[in-house]
Amino acid sequence: LGCVPFSWASSPAGVELEHLVLDWVGKMVGLPEHFMNSSGQGGG
């Protein structure tokens, strides 16, 4: 694909998938909610 996902404009799927899988793994290892991208406070 050769994309460079540094911003939503550069690759919407690339950025949003990164936010999603960081939440997936964060929940899998038991991180508190405030570390999730979905929290609106922290993220990964």
All heavy atoms as atom14 arrays in JSON, in Angstrom:
{
  "sequence": "LGCVPFSWASSPAGVELEHLVLDWVGKMVGLPEHFMNSSGQGGG",
  "atom14_mask": [
    [1, 1, 1, 1, 1, 1, 1, 1, 0, 0, 0, 0, 0, 0],
    [1, 1, 1, 1, 0, 0, 0, 0, 0, 0, 0, 0, 0, 0],
    [1, 1, 1, 1, 1, 1, 0, 0, 0, 0, 0, 0, 0, 0],
    [1, 1, 1, 1, 1, 1, 1, 0, 0, 0, 0, 0, 0, 0],
    [1, 1, 1, 1, 1, 1, 1, 0, 0, 0, 0, 0, 0, 0],
    [1, 1, 1, 1, 1, 1, 1, 1, 1, 1, 1, 0, 0, 0],
    [1, 1, 1, 1, 1, 1, 0, 0, 0, 0, 0, 0, 0, 0],
    [1, 1, 1, 1, 1, 1, 1, 1, 1, 1, 1, 1, 1, 1],
    [1, 1, 1, 1, 1, 0, 0, 0, 0, 0, 0, 0, 0, 0],
    [1, 1, 1, 1, 1, 1, 0, 0, 0, 0, 0, 0, 0, 0],
    [1, 1, 1, 1, 1, 1, 0, 0, 0, 0, 0, 0, 0, 0],
    [1, 1, 1, 1, 1, 1, 1, 0, 0, 0, 0, 0, 0, 0],
    [1, 1, 1, 1, 1, 0, 0, 0, 0, 0, 0, 0, 0, 0],
    [1, 1, 1, 1, 0, 0, 0, 0, 0, 0, 0, 0, 0, 0],
    [1, 1, 1, 1, 1, 1, 1, 0, 0, 0, 0, 0, 0, 0],
    [1, 1, 1, 1, 1, 1, 1, 1, 1, 0, 0, 0, 0, 0],
    [1, 1, 1, 1, 1, 1, 1, 1, 0, 0, 0, 0, 0, 0],
    [1, 1, 1, 1, 1, 1, 1, 1, 1, 0, 0, 0, 0, 0],
    [1, 1, 1, 1, 1, 1, 1, 1, 1, 1, 0, 0, 0, 0],
    [1, 1, 1, 1, 1, 1, 1, 1, 0, 0, 0, 0, 0, 0],
    [1, 1, 1, 1, 1, 1, 1, 0, 0, 0, 0, 0, 0, 0],
    [1, 1, 1, 1, 1, 1, 1, 1, 0, 0, 0, 0, 0, 0],
    [1, 1, 1, 1, 1, 1, 1, 1, 0, 0, 0, 0, 0, 0],
    [1, 1, 1, 1, 1, 1, 1, 1, 1, 1, 1, 1, 1, 1],
    [1, 1, 1, 1, 1, 1, 1, 0, 0, 0, 0, 0, 0, 0],
    [1, 1, 1, 1, 0, 0, 0, 0, 0, 0, 0, 0, 0, 0],
    [1, 1, 1, 1, 1, 1, 1, 1, 1, 0, 0, 0, 0, 0],
    [1, 1, 1, 1, 1, 1, 1, 1, 0, 0, 0, 0, 0, 0],
    [1, 1, 1, 1, 1, 1, 1, 0, 0, 0, 0, 0, 0, 0],
    [1, 1, 1, 1, 0, 0, 0, 0, 0, 0, 0, 0, 0, 0],
    [1, 1, 1, 1, 1, 1, 1, 1, 0, 0, 0, 0, 0, 0],
    [1, 1, 1, 1, 1, 1, 1, 0, 0, 0, 0, 0, 0, 0],
    [1, 1, 1, 1, 1, 1, 1, 1, 1, 0, 0, 0, 0, 0],
    [1, 1, 1, 1, 1, 1, 1, 1, 1, 1, 0, 0, 0, 0],
    [1, 1, 1, 1, 1, 1, 1, 1, 1, 1, 1, 0, 0, 0],
    [1, 1, 1, 1, 1, 1, 1, 1, 0, 0, 0, 0, 0, 0],
    [1, 1, 1, 1, 1, 1, 1, 1, 0, 0, 0, 0, 0, 0],
    [1, 1, 1, 1, 1, 1, 0, 0, 0, 0, 0, 0, 0, 0],
    [1, 1, 1, 1, 1, 1, 0, 0, 0, 0, 0, 0, 0, 0],
    [1, 1, 1, 1, 0, 0, 0, 0, 0, 0, 0, 0, 0, 0],
    [1, 1, 1, 1, 1, 1, 1, 1, 1, 0, 0, 0, 0, 0],
    [1, 1, 1, 1, 0, 0, 0, 0, 0, 0, 0, 0, 0, 0],
    [1, 1, 1, 1, 0, 0, 0, 0, 0, 0, 0, 0, 0, 0],
    [1, 1, 1, 1, 0, 0, 0, 0, 0, 0, 0, 0, 0, 0]
  ],
  "atom14_positions": [
    [[0.83, -1.21, 0.0], [0.0, 0.0, 0.0], [0.87, 1.26, 0.0], [0.49, 2.28, -0.58], [-0.92, -0.01, 1.22], [-2.0, -1.09, 1.24], [-2.72, -1.09, 2.58], [-3.0, -0.86, 0.1], [0.0, 0.0, 0.0], [0.0, 0.0, 0.0], [0.0, 0.0, 0.0], [0.0, 0.0, 0.0], [0.0, 0.0, 0.0], [0.0, 0.0, 0.0]],
    [[1.99, 1.17, 0.67], [2.95, 2.28, 0.63], [2.46, 3.59, 1.21], [2.9, 4.66, 0.78], [0.0, 0.0, 0.0], [0.0, 0.0, 0.0], [0.0, 0.0, 0.0], [0.0, 0.0, 0.0], [0.0, 0.0, 0.0], [0.0, 0.0, 0.0], [0.0, 0.0, 0.0], [0.0, 0.0, 0.0], [0.0, 0.0, 0.0], [0.0, 0.0, 0.0]],
    [[1.56, 3.53, 2.19], [1.03, 4.77, 2.76], [1.88, 5.21, 3.94], [2.66, 4.44, 4.49], [-0.43, 4.59, 3.19], [-0.66, 3.5, 4.62], [0.0, 0.0, 0.0], [0.0, 0.0, 0.0], [0.0, 0.0, 0.0], [0.0, 0.0, 0.0], [0.0, 0.0, 0.0], [0.0, 0.0, 0.0], [0.0, 0.0, 0.0], [0.0, 0.0, 0.0]],
    [[1.72, 6.48, 4.32], [2.44, 7.04, 5.46], [1.41, 7.65, 6.4], [1.03, 8.82, 6.26], [3.47, 8.1, 5.01], [4.32, 8.56, 6.19], [4.35, 7.56, 3.89], [0.0, 0.0, 0.0], [0.0, 0.0, 0.0], [0.0, 0.0, 0.0], [0.0, 0.0, 0.0], [0.0, 0.0, 0.0], [0.0, 0.0, 0.0], [0.0, 0.0, 0.0]],
    [[0.91, 6.89, 7.37], [-0.21, 7.33, 8.2], [0.19, 8.22, 9.37], [0.13, 7.83, 10.53], [-0.8, 6.01, 8.69], [0.38, 5.1, 8.79], [1.29, 5.49, 7.67], [0.0, 0.0, 0.0], [0.0, 0.0, 0.0], [0.0, 0.0, 0.0], [0.0, 0.0, 0.0], [0.0, 0.0, 0.0], [0.0, 0.0, 0.0], [0.0, 0.0, 0.0]],
    [[0.63, 9.46, 9.06], [1.0, 10.37, 10.14], [-0.14, 11.29, 10.56], [-0.07, 11.94, 11.59], [2.23, 11.21, 9.75], [2.08, 12.01, 8.49], [1.32, 13.17, 8.46], [2.71, 11.61, 7.32], [1.19, 13.91, 7.29], [2.6, 12.34, 6.15], [1.83, 13.5, 6.14], [0.0, 0.0, 0.0], [0.0, 0.0, 0.0], [0.0, 0.0, 0.0]],
    [[-1.2, 11.35, 9.74], [-2.37, 12.15, 10.1], [-3.61, 11.53, 9.47], [-3.51, 10.69, 8.57], [-2.22, 13.6, 9.61], [-2.36, 13.67, 8.2], [0.0, 0.0, 0.0], [0.0, 0.0, 0.0], [0.0, 0.0, 0.0], [0.0, 0.0, 0.0], [0.0, 0.0, 0.0], [0.0, 0.0, 0.0], [0.0, 0.0, 0.0], [0.0, 0.0, 0.0]],
    [[-4.77, 11.96, 9.95], [-6.01, 11.43, 9.39], [-6.1, 11.73, 7.9], [-6.55, 10.9, 7.12], [-7.2, 12.01, 10.14], [-8.49, 11.29, 9.86], [-8.99, 10.21, 10.51], [-9.43, 11.6, 8.82], [-10.19, 9.82, 9.96], [-10.49, 10.67, 8.9], [-9.48, 12.58, 7.82], [-11.58, 10.68, 8.05], [-10.57, 12.6, 6.95], [-11.61, 11.64, 7.07]],
    [[-5.66, 12.91, 7.5], [-5.72, 13.29, 6.09], [-4.8, 12.42, 5.24], [-5.11, 12.13, 4.08], [-5.37, 14.77, 5.92], [0.0, 0.0, 0.0], [0.0, 0.0, 0.0], [0.0, 0.0, 0.0], [0.0, 0.0, 0.0], [0.0, 0.0, 0.0], [0.0, 0.0, 0.0], [0.0, 0.0, 0.0], [0.0, 0.0, 0.0], [0.0, 0.0, 0.0]],
    [[-3.67, 12.0, 5.81], [-2.72, 11.21, 5.03], [-3.16, 9.76, 4.89], [-2.76, 9.07, 3.95], [-1.33, 11.26, 5.69], [-1.31, 10.48, 6.88], [0.0, 0.0, 0.0], [0.0, 0.0, 0.0], [0.0, 0.0, 0.0], [0.0, 0.0, 0.0], [0.0, 0.0, 0.0], [0.0, 0.0, 0.0], [0.0, 0.0, 0.0], [0.0, 0.0, 0.0]],
    [[-3.97, 9.27, 5.83], [-4.47, 7.9, 5.77], [-5.54, 7.69, 6.83], [-5.22, 7.29, 7.96], [-3.33, 6.89, 5.97], [-3.83, 5.57, 5.92], [0.0, 0.0, 0.0], [0.0, 0.0, 0.0], [0.0, 0.0, 0.0], [0.0, 0.0, 0.0], [0.0, 0.0, 0.0], [0.0, 0.0, 0.0], [0.0, 0.0, 0.0], [0.0, 0.0, 0.0]],
    [[-6.8, 7.96, 6.51], [-7.86, 7.78, 7.5], [-7.88, 6.38, 8.11], [-7.96, 6.21, 9.33], [-9.13, 8.07, 6.71], [-8.7, 9.0, 5.62], [-7.32, 8.53, 5.24], [0.0, 0.0, 0.0], [0.0, 0.0, 0.0], [0.0, 0.0, 0.0], [0.0, 0.0, 0.0], [0.0, 0.0, 0.0], [0.0, 0.0, 0.0], [0.0, 0.0, 0.0]],
    [[-7.79, 5.35, 7.26], [-7.82, 3.98, 7.76], [-6.59, 3.68, 8.6], [-6.68, 3.01, 9.63], [-7.9, 2.99, 6.6], [0.0, 0.0, 0.0], [0.0, 0.0, 0.0], [0.0, 0.0, 0.0], [0.0, 0.0, 0.0], [0.0, 0.0, 0.0], [0.0, 0.0, 0.0], [0.0, 0.0, 0.0], [0.0, 0.0, 0.0], [0.0, 0.0, 0.0]],
    [[-5.42, 4.18, 8.18], [-4.2, 3.91, 8.91], [-4.23, 4.48, 10.32], [-3.87, 3.8, 11.29], [0.0, 0.0, 0.0], [0.0, 0.0, 0.0], [0.0, 0.0, 0.0], [0.0, 0.0, 0.0], [0.0, 0.0, 0.0], [0.0, 0.0, 0.0], [0.0, 0.0, 0.0], [0.0, 0.0, 0.0], [0.0, 0.0, 0.0], [0.0, 0.0, 0.0]],
    [[-4.69, 5.73, 10.45], [-4.75, 6.36, 11.77], [-5.84, 5.74, 12.63], [-5.63, 5.43, 13.81], [-4.97, 7.88, 11.62], [-5.28, 8.52, 12.97], [-3.75, 8.53, 11.0], [0.0, 0.0, 0.0], [0.0, 0.0, 0.0], [0.0, 0.0, 0.0], [0.0, 0.0, 0.0], [0.0, 0.0, 0.0], [0.0, 0.0, 0.0], [0.0, 0.0, 0.0]],
    [[-7.01, 5.54, 12.06], [-8.12, 5.01, 12.85], [-7.86, 3.56, 13.28], [-8.25, 3.16, 14.39], [-9.43, 5.14, 12.08], [-9.85, 6.6, 11.89], [-11.31, 6.76, 11.49], [-12.07, 5.78, 11.62], [-11.68, 7.87, 11.05], [0.0, 0.0, 0.0], [0.0, 0.0, 0.0], [0.0, 0.0, 0.0], [0.0, 0.0, 0.0], [0.0, 0.0, 0.0]],
    [[-7.22, 2.77, 12.42], [-6.91, 1.39, 12.8], [-5.88, 1.38, 13.94], [-5.97, 0.55, 14.85], [-6.38, 0.6, 11.61], [-6.14, -0.89, 11.89], [-7.44, -1.6, 12.25], [-5.48, -1.58, 10.69], [0.0, 0.0, 0.0], [0.0, 0.0, 0.0], [0.0, 0.0, 0.0], [0.0, 0.0, 0.0], [0.0, 0.0, 0.0], [0.0, 0.0, 0.0]],
    [[-4.93, 2.31, 13.89], [-3.94, 2.37, 14.96], [-4.61, 2.71, 16.28], [-4.31, 2.11, 17.32], [-2.85, 3.4, 14.63], [-1.7, 3.38, 15.6], [-0.41, 3.95, 15.03], [-0.2, 3.84, 13.8], [0.38, 4.51, 15.8], [0.0, 0.0, 0.0], [0.0, 0.0, 0.0], [0.0, 0.0, 0.0], [0.0, 0.0, 0.0], [0.0, 0.0, 0.0]],
    [[-5.54, 3.68, 16.25], [-6.28, 4.01, 17.47], [-7.05, 2.79, 17.99], [-7.09, 2.53, 19.2], [-7.24, 5.16, 17.21], [-6.56, 6.48, 17.01], [-7.23, 7.6, 16.57], [-5.28, 6.86, 17.19], [-6.38, 8.61, 16.5], [-5.2, 8.19, 16.87], [0.0, 0.0, 0.0], [0.0, 0.0, 0.0], [0.0, 0.0, 0.0], [0.0, 0.0, 0.0]],
    [[-7.64, 2.05, 17.06], [-8.47, 0.9, 17.44], [-7.63, -0.21, 18.06], [-7.97, -0.73, 19.14], [-9.22, 0.37, 16.23], [-10.07, -0.89, 16.46], [-11.23, -0.57, 17.4], [-10.58, -1.45, 15.14], [0.0, 0.0, 0.0], [0.0, 0.0, 0.0], [0.0, 0.0, 0.0], [0.0, 0.0, 0.0], [0.0, 0.0, 0.0], [0.0, 0.0, 0.0]],
    [[-6.52, -0.6, 17.38], [-5.74, -1.74, 17.91], [-5.04, -1.38, 19.22], [-4.81, -2.26, 20.06], [-4.73, -2.27, 16.87], [-5.45, -2.82, 15.65], [-3.7, -1.23, 16.47], [0.0, 0.0, 0.0], [0.0, 0.0, 0.0], [0.0, 0.0, 0.0], [0.0, 0.0, 0.0], [0.0, 0.0, 0.0], [0.0, 0.0, 0.0], [0.0, 0.0, 0.0]],
    [[-4.7, -0.1, 19.41], [-4.13, 0.29, 20.7], [-5.16, 0.13, 21.81], [-4.83, -0.28, 22.93], [-3.61, 1.72, 20.65], [-2.13, 1.95, 20.35], [-1.25, 1.44, 21.49], [-1.7, 1.33, 19.03], [0.0, 0.0, 0.0], [0.0, 0.0, 0.0], [0.0, 0.0, 0.0], [0.0, 0.0, 0.0], [0.0, 0.0, 0.0], [0.0, 0.0, 0.0]],
    [[-6.42, 0.42, 21.51], [-7.48, 0.18, 22.5], [-7.69, -1.31, 22.72], [-7.89, -1.77, 23.85], [-8.79, 0.84, 22.05], [-8.8, 2.34, 22.31], [-7.79, 2.88, 22.78], [-9.84, 2.98, 22.04], [0.0, 0.0, 0.0], [0.0, 0.0, 0.0], [0.0, 0.0, 0.0], [0.0, 0.0, 0.0], [0.0, 0.0, 0.0], [0.0, 0.0, 0.0]],
    [[-7.66, -2.09, 21.64], [-7.8, -3.54, 21.76], [-6.74, -4.1, 22.72], [-7.06, -4.79, 23.68], [-7.61, -4.2, 20.39], [-8.83, -4.25, 19.52], [-9.99, -3.55, 19.69], [-8.97, -5.03, 18.34], [-10.86, -3.85, 18.66], [-10.27, -4.75, 17.82], [-8.16, -5.92, 17.65], [-10.75, -5.36, 16.66], [-8.63, -6.52, 16.48], [-9.91, -6.24, 16.0]],
    [[-5.48, -3.81, 22.41], [-4.39, -4.38, 23.21], [-4.39, -3.8, 24.62], [-4.14, -4.52, 25.59], [-3.03, -4.15, 22.51], [-1.88, -4.68, 23.38], [-3.0, -4.81, 21.14], [0.0, 0.0, 0.0], [0.0, 0.0, 0.0], [0.0, 0.0, 0.0], [0.0, 0.0, 0.0], [0.0, 0.0, 0.0], [0.0, 0.0, 0.0], [0.0, 0.0, 0.0]],
    [[-4.69, -2.51, 24.74], [-4.77, -1.9, 26.07], [-5.78, -2.62, 26.96], [-5.5, -2.89, 28.14], [0.0, 0.0, 0.0], [0.0, 0.0, 0.0], [0.0, 0.0, 0.0], [0.0, 0.0, 0.0], [0.0, 0.0, 0.0], [0.0, 0.0, 0.0], [0.0, 0.0, 0.0], [0.0, 0.0, 0.0], [0.0, 0.0, 0.0], [0.0, 0.0, 0.0]],
    [[-6.92, -2.96, 26.41], [-7.93, -3.69, 27.17], [-7.48, -5.12, 27.44], [-7.74, -5.68, 28.51], [-9.25, -3.68, 26.41], [-9.89, -2.3, 26.3], [-11.12, -2.32, 25.38], [-11.69, -0.9, 25.19], [-12.82, -0.9, 24.24], [0.0, 0.0, 0.0], [0.0, 0.0, 0.0], [0.0, 0.0, 0.0], [0.0, 0.0, 0.0], [0.0, 0.0, 0.0]],
    [[-6.8, -5.74, 26.47], [-6.34, -7.12, 26.62], [-5.35, -7.26, 27.78], [-5.35, -8.26, 28.48], [-5.7, -7.6, 25.3], [-6.7, -7.87, 24.19], [-5.93, -7.94, 22.53], [-4.8, -9.32, 22.71], [0.0, 0.0, 0.0], [0.0, 0.0, 0.0], [0.0, 0.0, 0.0], [0.0, 0.0, 0.0], [0.0, 0.0, 0.0], [0.0, 0.0, 0.0]],
    [[-4.48, -6.25, 27.96], [-3.47, -6.34, 29.02], [-3.95, -5.72, 30.33], [-3.23, -5.77, 31.33], [-2.13, -5.7, 28.59], [-1.58, -6.37, 27.35], [-2.27, -4.19, 28.38], [0.0, 0.0, 0.0], [0.0, 0.0, 0.0], [0.0, 0.0, 0.0], [0.0, 0.0, 0.0], [0.0, 0.0, 0.0], [0.0, 0.0, 0.0], [0.0, 0.0, 0.0]],
    [[-5.15, -5.13, 30.33], [-5.71, -4.63, 31.58], [-5.36, -3.2, 31.95], [-5.37, -2.84, 33.13], [0.0, 0.0, 0.0], [0.0, 0.0, 0.0], [0.0, 0.0, 0.0], [0.0, 0.0, 0.0], [0.0, 0.0, 0.0], [0.0, 0.0, 0.0], [0.0, 0.0, 0.0], [0.0, 0.0, 0.0], [0.0, 0.0, 0.0], [0.0, 0.0, 0.0]],
    [[-5.05, -2.36, 30.97], [-4.78, -0.96, 31.26], [-6.06, -0.24, 31.67], [-7.15, -0.58, 31.18], [-4.16, -0.26, 30.05], [-2.71, -0.6, 29.71], [-2.3, 0.13, 28.43], [-1.78, -0.24, 30.84], [0.0, 0.0, 0.0], [0.0, 0.0, 0.0], [0.0, 0.0, 0.0], [0.0, 0.0, 0.0], [0.0, 0.0, 0.0], [0.0, 0.0, 0.0]],
    [[-5.96, 0.76, 32.55], [-7.14, 1.53, 32.95], [-7.76, 2.24, 31.75], [-7.09, 2.53, 30.75], [-6.58, 2.54, 33.96], [-5.33, 1.91, 34.47], [-4.76, 1.14, 33.32], [0.0, 0.0, 0.0], [0.0, 0.0, 0.0], [0.0, 0.0, 0.0], [0.0, 0.0, 0.0], [0.0, 0.0, 0.0], [0.0, 0.0, 0.0], [0.0, 0.0, 0.0]],
    [[-9.03, 2.55, 31.87], [-9.8, 3.17, 30.79], [-9.18, 4.47, 30.31], [-9.26, 4.81, 29.12], [-11.25, 3.4, 31.25], [-12.14, 4.11, 30.25], [-12.33, 3.34, 28.95], [-12.22, 2.1, 28.97], [-12.57, 3.99, 27.91], [0.0, 0.0, 0.0], [0.0, 0.0, 0.0], [0.0, 0.0, 0.0], [0.0, 0.0, 0.0], [0.0, 0.0, 0.0]],
    [[-8.57, 5.24, 31.22], [-8.07, 6.55, 30.8], [-6.9, 6.47, 29.82], [-6.49, 7.49, 29.26], [-7.69, 7.42, 32.01], [-6.67, 6.81, 32.93], [-6.97, 6.43, 34.23], [-5.35, 6.53, 32.76], [-5.87, 5.95, 34.79], [-4.89, 6.0, 33.93], [0.0, 0.0, 0.0], [0.0, 0.0, 0.0], [0.0, 0.0, 0.0], [0.0, 0.0, 0.0]],
    [[-6.34, 5.27, 29.62], [-5.28, 5.11, 28.62], [-5.83, 4.85, 27.22], [-5.06, 4.83, 26.26], [-4.36, 3.95, 29.01], [-3.36, 4.27, 30.07], [-3.49, 3.75, 31.35], [-2.27, 5.09, 29.81], [-2.56, 4.03, 32.34], [-1.33, 5.39, 30.79], [-1.49, 4.86, 32.06], [0.0, 0.0, 0.0], [0.0, 0.0, 0.0], [0.0, 0.0, 0.0]],
    [[-7.12, 4.65, 27.09], [-7.7, 4.3, 25.8], [-7.9, 5.53, 24.94], [-8.22, 6.62, 25.42], [-9.05, 3.59, 25.99], [-9.01, 2.32, 26.84], [-7.9, 1.06, 26.2], [-6.75, 0.91, 27.55], [0.0, 0.0, 0.0], [0.0, 0.0, 0.0], [0.0, 0.0, 0.0], [0.0, 0.0, 0.0], [0.0, 0.0, 0.0], [0.0, 0.0, 0.0]],
    [[-7.75, 5.36, 23.62], [-8.06, 6.44, 22.69], [-9.53, 6.83, 22.77], [-9.88, 7.99, 22.58], [-7.72, 6.02, 21.25], [-6.22, 6.02, 20.99], [-5.56, 7.06, 21.04], [-5.66, 4.85, 20.7], [0.0, 0.0, 0.0], [0.0, 0.0, 0.0], [0.0, 0.0, 0.0], [0.0, 0.0, 0.0], [0.0, 0.0, 0.0], [0.0, 0.0, 0.0]],
    [[-10.37, 5.86, 23.08], [-11.81, 6.11, 23.16], [-12.2, 6.93, 24.38], [-13.32, 7.42, 24.47], [-12.57, 4.78, 23.18], [-12.14, 3.97, 24.27], [0.0, 0.0, 0.0], [0.0, 0.0, 0.0], [0.0, 0.0, 0.0], [0.0, 0.0, 0.0], [0.0, 0.0, 0.0], [0.0, 0.0, 0.0], [0.0, 0.0, 0.0], [0.0, 0.0, 0.0]],
    [[-11.26, 7.11, 25.33], [-11.58, 7.83, 26.56], [-11.69, 9.33, 26.35], [-12.34, 10.03, 27.13], [-10.51, 7.56, 27.62], [-9.28, 8.2, 27.28], [0.0, 0.0, 0.0], [0.0, 0.0, 0.0], [0.0, 0.0, 0.0], [0.0, 0.0, 0.0], [0.0, 0.0, 0.0], [0.0, 0.0, 0.0], [0.0, 0.0, 0.0], [0.0, 0.0, 0.0]],
    [[-11.03, 9.84, 25.3], [-11.03, 11.28, 25.08], [-10.05, 12.01, 25.96], [-9.91, 13.23, 25.88], [0.0, 0.0, 0.0], [0.0, 0.0, 0.0], [0.0, 0.0, 0.0], [0.0, 0.0, 0.0], [0.0, 0.0, 0.0], [0.0, 0.0, 0.0], [0.0, 0.0, 0.0], [0.0, 0.0, 0.0], [0.0, 0.0, 0.0], [0.0, 0.0, 0.0]],
    [[-9.33, 11.28, 26.81], [-8.36, 11.89, 27.72], [-6.94, 11.48, 27.35], [-6.09, 12.32, 27.1], [-8.64, 11.48, 29.16], [-7.59, 11.98, 30.17], [-7.82, 11.44, 31.57], [-8.9, 10.96, 31.88], [-6.81, 11.52, 32.42], [0.0, 0.0, 0.0], [0.0, 0.0, 0.0], [0.0, 0.0, 0.0], [0.0, 0.0, 0.0], [0.0, 0.0, 0.0]],
    [[-6.7, 10.17, 27.36], [-5.39, 9.66, 26.99], [-5.45, 8.99, 25.63], [-6.25, 9.36, 24.78], [0.0, 0.0, 0.0], [0.0, 0.0, 0.0], [0.0, 0.0, 0.0], [0.0, 0.0, 0.0], [0.0, 0.0, 0.0], [0.0, 0.0, 0.0], [0.0, 0.0, 0.0], [0.0, 0.0, 0.0], [0.0, 0.0, 0.0], [0.0, 0.0, 0.0]],
    [[-4.62, 7.98, 25.46], [-4.64, 7.26, 24.19], [-3.3, 6.62, 23.91], [-2.38, 6.67, 24.73], [0.0, 0.0, 0.0], [0.0, 0.0, 0.0], [0.0, 0.0, 0.0], [0.0, 0.0, 0.0], [0.0, 0.0, 0.0], [0.0, 0.0, 0.0], [0.0, 0.0, 0.0], [0.0, 0.0, 0.0], [0.0, 0.0, 0.0], [0.0, 0.0, 0.0]],
    [[-3.21, 5.99, 22.75], [-1.98, 5.29, 22.41], [-1.64, 5.38, 20.94], [-2.48, 5.72, 20.1], [0.0, 0.0, 0.0], [0.0, 0.0, 0.0], [0.0, 0.0, 0.0], [0.0, 0.0, 0.0], [0.0, 0.0, 0.0], [0.0, 0.0, 0.0], [0.0, 0.0, 0.0], [0.0, 0.0, 0.0], [0.0, 0.0, 0.0], [0.0, 0.0, 0.0]]
  ]
}
